[in-house]
């Protein structure tokens, strides 16, 4: 029995040169790569910028900076 083009299961498959190929989907590996190459670098740069601002503002203005005021 063949499936018609309007069936719900055919919406998840694409046909390329006669081969039925599933469409792209978000996988665990995609999450790992996203965390490794997007999230961690952004967090690292943000942490370094925050530490630099903390050092500059506390050293030259004498005021506390952000949440670090709670820990002084």
PDB file of N, CA and C in Angstrom:
ATOM      1  N   UNK A   1       0.848  -1.180   0.000  1.00  0.00           N
ATOM      2  CA  UNK A   1       0.000   0.000   0.000  1.00  0.00           C
ATOM      3  C   UNK A   1       0.890   1.238   0.000  1.00  0.00           C
ATOM      4  N   UNK A   2       0.634   2.159  -0.860  1.00  0.00           N
ATOM      5  CA  UNK A   2       1.422   3.386  -0.945  1.00  0.00           C
ATOM      6  C   UNK A   2       0.723   4.510  -0.197  1.00  0.00           C
ATOM      7  N   UNK A   3       1.524   5.461   0.249  1.00  0.00           N
ATOM      8  CA  UNK A   3       0.966   6.603   0.957  1.00  0.00           C
ATOM      9  C   UNK A   3       0.722   7.727  -0.031  1.00  0.00           C
ATOM     10  N   UNK A   4      -0.338   8.440   0.186  1.00  0.00           N
ATOM     11  CA  UNK A   4      -0.617   9.576  -0.692  1.00  0.00           C
ATOM     12  C   UNK A   4       0.243  10.758  -0.269  1.00  0.00           C
ATOM     13  N   UNK A   5       0.347  11.730  -1.127  1.00  0.00           N
ATOM     14  CA  UNK A   5       1.172  12.912  -0.852  1.00  0.00           C
ATOM     15  C   UNK A   5       0.578  13.768   0.254  1.00  0.00           C
ATOM     16  N   UNK A   6      -0.714  13.572   0.544  1.00  0.00           N
ATOM     17  CA  UNK A   6      -1.372  14.387   1.565  1.00  0.00           C
ATOM     18  C   UNK A   6      -1.351  13.752   2.947  1.00  0.00           C
ATOM     19  N   UNK A   7      -0.780  12.590   3.090  1.00  0.00           N
ATOM     20  CA  UNK A   7      -0.792  11.924   4.397  1.00  0.00           C
ATOM     21  C   UNK A   7       0.151  12.635   5.361  1.00  0.00           C
ATOM     22  N   UNK A   8      -0.125  12.590   6.669  1.00  0.00           N
ATOM     23  CA  UNK A   8       0.699  13.295   7.649  1.00  0.00           C
ATOM     24  C   UNK A   8       2.136  12.786   7.707  1.00  0.00           C
ATOM     25  N   UNK A   9       2.362  11.502   7.464  1.00  0.00           N
ATOM     26  CA  UNK A   9       3.727  10.988   7.559  1.00  0.00           C
ATOM     27  C   UNK A   9       4.596  11.475   6.407  1.00  0.00           C
ATOM     28  N   UNK A  10       3.997  11.824   5.277  1.00  0.00           N
ATOM     29  CA  UNK A  10       4.799  12.315   4.166  1.00  0.00           C
ATOM     30  C   UNK A  10       5.228  13.766   4.387  1.00  0.00           C
ATOM     31  N   UNK A  11       4.593  14.464   5.340  1.00  0.00           N
ATOM     32  CA  UNK A  11       4.981  15.845   5.631  1.00  0.00           C
ATOM     33  C   UNK A  11       6.346  15.889   6.302  1.00  0.00           C
ATOM     34  N   UNK A  12       6.764  14.807   6.932  1.00  0.00           N
ATOM     35  CA  UNK A  12       8.042  14.766   7.623  1.00  0.00           C
ATOM     36  C   UNK A  12       9.174  14.299   6.716  1.00  0.00           C
ATOM     37  N   UNK A  13       8.852  13.864   5.497  1.00  0.00           N
ATOM     38  CA  UNK A  13       9.861  13.347   4.591  1.00  0.00           C
ATOM     39  C   UNK A  13       9.953  14.214   3.346  1.00  0.00           C
ATOM     40  N   UNK A  14      11.163  14.370   2.856  1.00  0.00           N
ATOM     41  CA  UNK A  14      11.384  15.074   1.593  1.00  0.00           C
ATOM     42  C   UNK A  14      11.902  14.058   0.590  1.00  0.00           C
ATOM     43  N   UNK A  15      11.560  14.238  -0.641  1.00  0.00           N
ATOM     44  CA  UNK A  15      12.018  13.311  -1.662  1.00  0.00           C
ATOM     45  C   UNK A  15      13.035  14.006  -2.548  1.00  0.00           C
ATOM     46  N   UNK A  16      14.236  13.456  -2.592  1.00  0.00           N
ATOM     47  CA  UNK A  16      15.321  14.002  -3.401  1.00  0.00           C
ATOM     48  C   UNK A  16      15.823  12.892  -4.311  1.00  0.00           C
ATOM     49  N   UNK A  17      15.657  13.087  -5.594  1.00  0.00           N
ATOM     50  CA  UNK A  17      16.057  12.096  -6.602  1.00  0.00           C
ATOM     51  C   UNK A  17      15.529  10.701  -6.277  1.00  0.00           C
ATOM     52  N   UNK A  18      14.309  10.647  -5.831  1.00  0.00           N
ATOM     53  CA  UNK A  18      13.677   9.357  -5.571  1.00  0.00           C
ATOM     54  C   UNK A  18      13.937   8.798  -4.180  1.00  0.00           C
ATOM     55  N   UNK A  19      14.810   9.415  -3.412  1.00  0.00           N
ATOM     56  CA  UNK A  19      15.083   8.956  -2.051  1.00  0.00           C
ATOM     57  C   UNK A  19      14.273   9.782  -1.068  1.00  0.00           C
ATOM     58  N   UNK A  20      13.639   9.085  -0.144  1.00  0.00           N
ATOM     59  CA  UNK A  20      12.858   9.771   0.882  1.00  0.00           C
ATOM     60  C   UNK A  20      13.772  10.049   2.067  1.00  0.00           C
ATOM     61  N   UNK A  21      13.991  11.335   2.332  1.00  0.00           N
ATOM     62  CA  UNK A  21      14.938  11.767   3.355  1.00  0.00           C
ATOM     63  C   UNK A  21      14.170  12.537   4.425  1.00  0.00           C
ATOM     64  N   UNK A  22      14.380  12.185   5.708  1.00  0.00           N
ATOM     65  CA  UNK A  22      13.703  12.936   6.766  1.00  0.00           C
ATOM     66  C   UNK A  22      14.201  14.381   6.825  1.00  0.00           C
ATOM     67  N   UNK A  23      13.302  15.293   7.216  1.00  0.00           N
ATOM     68  CA  UNK A  23      13.681  16.700   7.318  1.00  0.00           C
ATOM     69  C   UNK A  23      14.581  16.913   8.519  1.00  0.00           C
ATOM     70  N   UNK A  24      15.284  18.057   8.516  1.00  0.00           N
ATOM     71  CA  UNK A  24      16.190  18.371   9.609  1.00  0.00           C
ATOM     72  C   UNK A  24      15.419  18.515  10.917  1.00  0.00           C
ATOM     73  N   UNK A  25      16.088  18.155  11.990  1.00  0.00           N
ATOM     74  CA  UNK A  25      15.481  18.311  13.308  1.00  0.00           C
ATOM     75  C   UNK A  25      16.582  18.632  14.309  1.00  0.00           C
ATOM     76  N   UNK A  26      16.193  19.206  15.422  1.00  0.00           N
ATOM     77  CA  UNK A  26      17.130  19.582  16.467  1.00  0.00           C
ATOM     78  C   UNK A  26      17.470  18.339  17.287  1.00  0.00           C
ATOM     79  N   UNK A  27      18.753  17.992  17.373  1.00  0.00           N
ATOM     80  CA  UNK A  27      19.179  16.789  18.077  1.00  0.00           C
ATOM     81  C   UNK A  27      20.016  17.156  19.292  1.00  0.00           C
ATOM     82  N   UNK A  28      20.381  16.152  20.066  1.00  0.00           N
ATOM     83  CA  UNK A  28      21.248  16.387  21.219  1.00  0.00           C
ATOM     84  C   UNK A  28      22.607  16.914  20.784  1.00  0.00           C
ATOM     85  N   UNK A  29      23.127  16.384  19.684  1.00  0.00           N
ATOM     86  CA  UNK A  29      24.423  16.862  19.195  1.00  0.00           C
ATOM     87  C   UNK A  29      24.345  18.327  18.806  1.00  0.00           C
ATOM     88  N   UNK A  30      23.236  18.744  18.242  1.00  0.00           N
ATOM     89  CA  UNK A  30      23.059  20.157  17.902  1.00  0.00           C
ATOM     90  C   UNK A  30      23.071  21.000  19.175  1.00  0.00           C
ATOM     91  N   UNK A  31      22.451  20.503  20.224  1.00  0.00           N
ATOM     92  CA  UNK A  31      22.468  21.213  21.502  1.00  0.00           C
ATOM     93  C   UNK A  31      23.880  21.299  22.061  1.00  0.00           C
ATOM     94  N   UNK A  32      24.631  20.211  22.011  1.00  0.00           N
ATOM     95  CA  UNK A  32      26.010  20.218  22.506  1.00  0.00           C
ATOM     96  C   UNK A  32      26.868  21.213  21.721  1.00  0.00           C
ATOM     97  N   UNK A  33      26.775  21.207  20.400  1.00  0.00           N
ATOM     98  CA  UNK A  33      27.551  22.134  19.588  1.00  0.00           C
ATOM     99  C   UNK A  33      27.124  23.580  19.830  1.00  0.00           C
ATOM    100  N   UNK A  34      25.827  23.806  19.996  1.00  0.00           N
ATOM    101  CA  UNK A  34      25.330  25.149  20.292  1.00  0.00           C
ATOM    102  C   UNK A  34      25.892  25.643  21.625  1.00  0.00           C
ATOM    103  N   UNK A  35      25.879  24.767  22.624  1.00  0.00           N
ATOM    104  CA  UNK A  35      26.429  25.142  23.931  1.00  0.00           C
ATOM    105  C   UNK A  35      27.927  25.396  23.836  1.00  0.00           C
ATOM    106  N   UNK A  36      28.643  24.563  23.116  1.00  0.00           N
ATOM    107  CA  UNK A  36      30.097  24.654  23.043  1.00  0.00           C
ATOM    108  C   UNK A  36      30.567  25.862  22.234  1.00  0.00           C
ATOM    109  N   UNK A  37      29.932  26.118  21.099  1.00  0.00           N
ATOM    110  CA  UNK A  37      30.430  27.144  20.193  1.00  0.00           C
ATOM    111  C   UNK A  37      29.684  28.473  20.252  1.00  0.00           C
ATOM    112  N   UNK A  38      28.538  28.526  20.892  1.00  0.00           N
ATOM    113  CA  UNK A  38      27.785  29.781  20.985  1.00  0.00           C
ATOM    114  C   UNK A  38      27.675  30.241  22.430  1.00  0.00           C
ATOM    115  N   UNK A  39      27.104  29.407  23.287  1.00  0.00           N
ATOM    116  CA  UNK A  39      26.798  29.815  24.656  1.00  0.00           C
ATOM    117  C   UNK A  39      28.064  30.024  25.480  1.00  0.00           C
ATOM    118  N   UNK A  40      28.972  29.063  25.485  1.00  0.00           N
ATOM    119  CA  UNK A  40      30.172  29.195  26.308  1.00  0.00           C
ATOM    120  C   UNK A  40      31.062  30.374  25.911  1.00  0.00           C
ATOM    121  N   UNK A  41      31.315  30.619  24.618  1.00  0.00           N
ATOM    122  CA  UNK A  41      32.102  31.816  24.279  1.00  0.00           C
ATOM    123  C   UNK A  41      31.425  33.125  24.691  1.00  0.00           C
ATOM    124  N   UNK A  42      30.117  33.220  24.515  1.00  0.00           N
ATOM    125  CA  UNK A  42      29.408  34.438  24.908  1.00  0.00           C
ATOM    126  C   UNK A  42      29.490  34.628  26.420  1.00  0.00           C
ATOM    127  N   UNK A  43      29.294  33.559  27.178  1.00  0.00           N
ATOM    128  CA  UNK A  43      29.399  33.668  28.628  1.00  0.00           C
ATOM    129  C   UNK A  43      30.808  34.014  29.073  1.00  0.00           C
ATOM    130  N   UNK A  44      31.806  33.465  28.417  1.00  0.00           N
ATOM    131  CA  UNK A  44      33.193  33.758  28.770  1.00  0.00           C
ATOM    132  C   UNK A  44      33.525  35.223  28.525  1.00  0.00           C
ATOM    133  N   UNK A  45      33.150  35.731  27.367  1.00  0.00           N
ATOM    134  CA  UNK A  45      33.403  37.145  27.060  1.00  0.00           C
ATOM    135  C   UNK A  45      32.639  38.041  28.032  1.00  0.00           C
ATOM    136  N   UNK A  46      31.413  37.691  28.353  1.00  0.00           N
ATOM    137  CA  UNK A  46      30.623  38.479  29.298  1.00  0.00           C
ATOM    138  C   UNK A  46      31.247  38.472  30.692  1.00  0.00           C
ATOM    139  N   UNK A  47      31.724  37.322  31.116  1.00  0.00           N
ATOM    140  CA  UNK A  47      32.356  37.225  32.431  1.00  0.00           C
ATOM    141  C   UNK A  47      33.634  38.061  32.486  1.00  0.00           C
ATOM    142  N   UNK A  48      34.438  37.999  31.439  1.00  0.00           N
ATOM    143  CA  UNK A  48      35.662  38.804  31.408  1.00  0.00           C
ATOM    144  C   UNK A  48      35.355  40.302  31.378  1.00  0.00           C
ATOM    145  N   UNK A  49      34.348  40.700  30.623  1.00  0.00           N
ATOM    146  CA  UNK A  49      33.961  42.114  30.573  1.00  0.00           C
ATOM    147  C   UNK A  49      33.438  42.568  31.934  1.00  0.00           C
ATOM    148  N   UNK A  50      32.668  41.733  32.595  1.00  0.00           N
ATOM    149  CA  UNK A  50      32.142  42.070  33.911  1.00  0.00           C
ATOM    150  C   UNK A  50      33.274  42.194  34.930  1.00  0.00           C
ATOM    151  N   UNK A  51      34.228  41.284  34.891  1.00  0.00           N
ATOM    152  CA  UNK A  51      35.362  41.346  35.813  1.00  0.00           C
ATOM    153  C   UNK A  51      36.195  42.598  35.548  1.00  0.00           C
ATOM    154  N   UNK A  52      36.392  42.955  34.282  1.00  0.00           N
ATOM    155  CA  UNK A  52      37.142  44.157  33.944  1.00  0.00           C
ATOM    156  C   UNK A  52      36.428  45.406  34.440  1.00  0.00           C
ATOM    157  N   UNK A  53      35.126  45.485  34.218  1.00  0.00           N
ATOM    158  CA  UNK A  53      34.361  46.631  34.710  1.00  0.00           C
ATOM    159  C   UNK A  53      34.390  46.713  36.229  1.00  0.00           C
ATOM    160  N   UNK A  54      34.282  45.575  36.883  1.00  0.00           N
ATOM    161  CA  UNK A  54      34.353  45.561  38.350  1.00  0.00           C
ATOM    162  C   UNK A  54      35.692  46.112  38.817  1.00  0.00           C
ATOM    163  N   UNK A  55      36.766  45.641  38.219  1.00  0.00           N
ATOM    164  CA  UNK A  55      38.100  46.109  38.604  1.00  0.00           C
ATOM    165  C   UNK A  55      38.248  47.607  38.362  1.00  0.00           C
ATOM    166  N   UNK A  56      37.847  48.077  37.191  1.00  0.00           N
ATOM    167  CA  UNK A  56      38.002  49.490  36.858  1.00  0.00           C
ATOM    168  C   UNK A  56      37.156  50.392  37.754  1.00  0.00           C
ATOM    169  N   UNK A  57      35.913  50.018  37.973  1.00  0.00           N
ATOM    170  CA  UNK A  57      35.024  50.872  38.757  1.00  0.00           C
ATOM    171  C   UNK A  57      35.388  50.875  40.237  1.00  0.00           C
ATOM    172  N   UNK A  58      35.786  49.750  40.780  1.00  0.00           N
ATOM    173  CA  UNK A  58      36.146  49.736  42.198  1.00  0.00           C
ATOM    174  C   UNK A  58      37.505  50.382  42.427  1.00  0.00           C
ATOM    175  N   UNK A  59      38.412  50.235  41.491  1.00  0.00           N
ATOM    176  CA  UNK A  59      39.764  50.784  41.665  1.00  0.00           C
ATOM    177  C   UNK A  59      39.778  52.301  41.502  1.00  0.00           C
ATOM    178  N   UNK A  60      39.068  52.815  40.494  1.00  0.00           N
ATOM    179  CA  UNK A  60      39.183  54.236  40.180  1.00  0.00           C
ATOM    180  C   UNK A  60      38.054  55.103  40.731  1.00  0.00           C
ATOM    181  N   UNK A  61      36.901  54.530  41.033  1.00  0.00           N
ATOM    182  CA  UNK A  61      35.812  55.341  41.565  1.00  0.00           C
ATOM    183  C   UNK A  61      35.574  55.079  43.045  1.00  0.00           C
ATOM    184  N   UNK A  62      36.026  53.939  43.542  1.00  0.00           N
ATOM    185  CA  UNK A  62      35.826  53.619  44.947  1.00  0.00           C
ATOM    186  C   UNK A  62      34.428  53.130  45.272  1.00  0.00           C
ATOM    187  N   UNK A  63      33.610  52.929  44.271  1.00  0.00           N
ATOM    188  CA  UNK A  63      32.248  52.433  44.491  1.00  0.00           C
ATOM    189  C   UNK A  63      32.183  50.944  44.194  1.00  0.00           C
ATOM    190  N   UNK A  64      31.188  50.279  44.797  1.00  0.00           N
ATOM    191  CA  UNK A  64      30.995  48.866  44.481  1.00  0.00           C
ATOM    192  C   UNK A  64      30.283  48.748  43.133  1.00  0.00           C
ATOM    193  N   UNK A  65      30.258  47.546  42.621  1.00  0.00           N
ATOM    194  CA  UNK A  65      29.721  47.332  41.277  1.00  0.00           C
ATOM    195  C   UNK A  65      28.746  46.172  41.300  1.00  0.00           C
ATOM    196  N   UNK A  66      27.504  46.435  40.924  1.00  0.00           N
ATOM    197  CA  UNK A  66      26.454  45.427  40.742  1.00  0.00           C
ATOM    198  C   UNK A  66      26.243  44.591  42.004  1.00  0.00           C
ATOM    199  N   UNK A  67      26.175  43.289  41.866  1.00  0.00           N
ATOM    200  CA  UNK A  67      25.889  42.409  43.006  1.00  0.00           C
ATOM    201  C   UNK A  67      27.062  42.290  43.969  1.00  0.00           C
ATOM    202  N   UNK A  68      28.238  42.704  43.522  1.00  0.00           N
ATOM    203  CA  UNK A  68      29.392  42.617  44.416  1.00  0.00           C
ATOM    204  C   UNK A  68      29.249  43.536  45.618  1.00  0.00           C
ATOM    205  N   UNK A  69      28.338  44.503  45.564  1.00  0.00           N
ATOM    206  CA  UNK A  69      28.078  45.373  46.716  1.00  0.00           C
ATOM    207  C   UNK A  69      27.582  44.549  47.906  1.00  0.00           C
ATOM    208  N   UNK A  70      26.887  43.475  47.627  1.00  0.00           N
ATOM    209  CA  UNK A  70      26.345  42.644  48.697  1.00  0.00           C
ATOM    210  C   UNK A  70      27.431  41.873  49.427  1.00  0.00           C
ATOM    211  N   UNK A  71      28.549  41.620  48.773  1.00  0.00           N
ATOM    212  CA  UNK A  71      29.581  40.782  49.353  1.00  0.00           C
ATOM    213  C   UNK A  71      30.698  41.583  50.015  1.00  0.00           C
ATOM    214  N   UNK A  72      30.679  42.893  49.933  1.00  0.00           N
ATOM    215  CA  UNK A  72      31.744  43.709  50.558  1.00  0.00           C
ATOM    216  C   UNK A  72      31.480  43.923  52.032  1.00  0.00           C
TER     217      UNK A  72
END
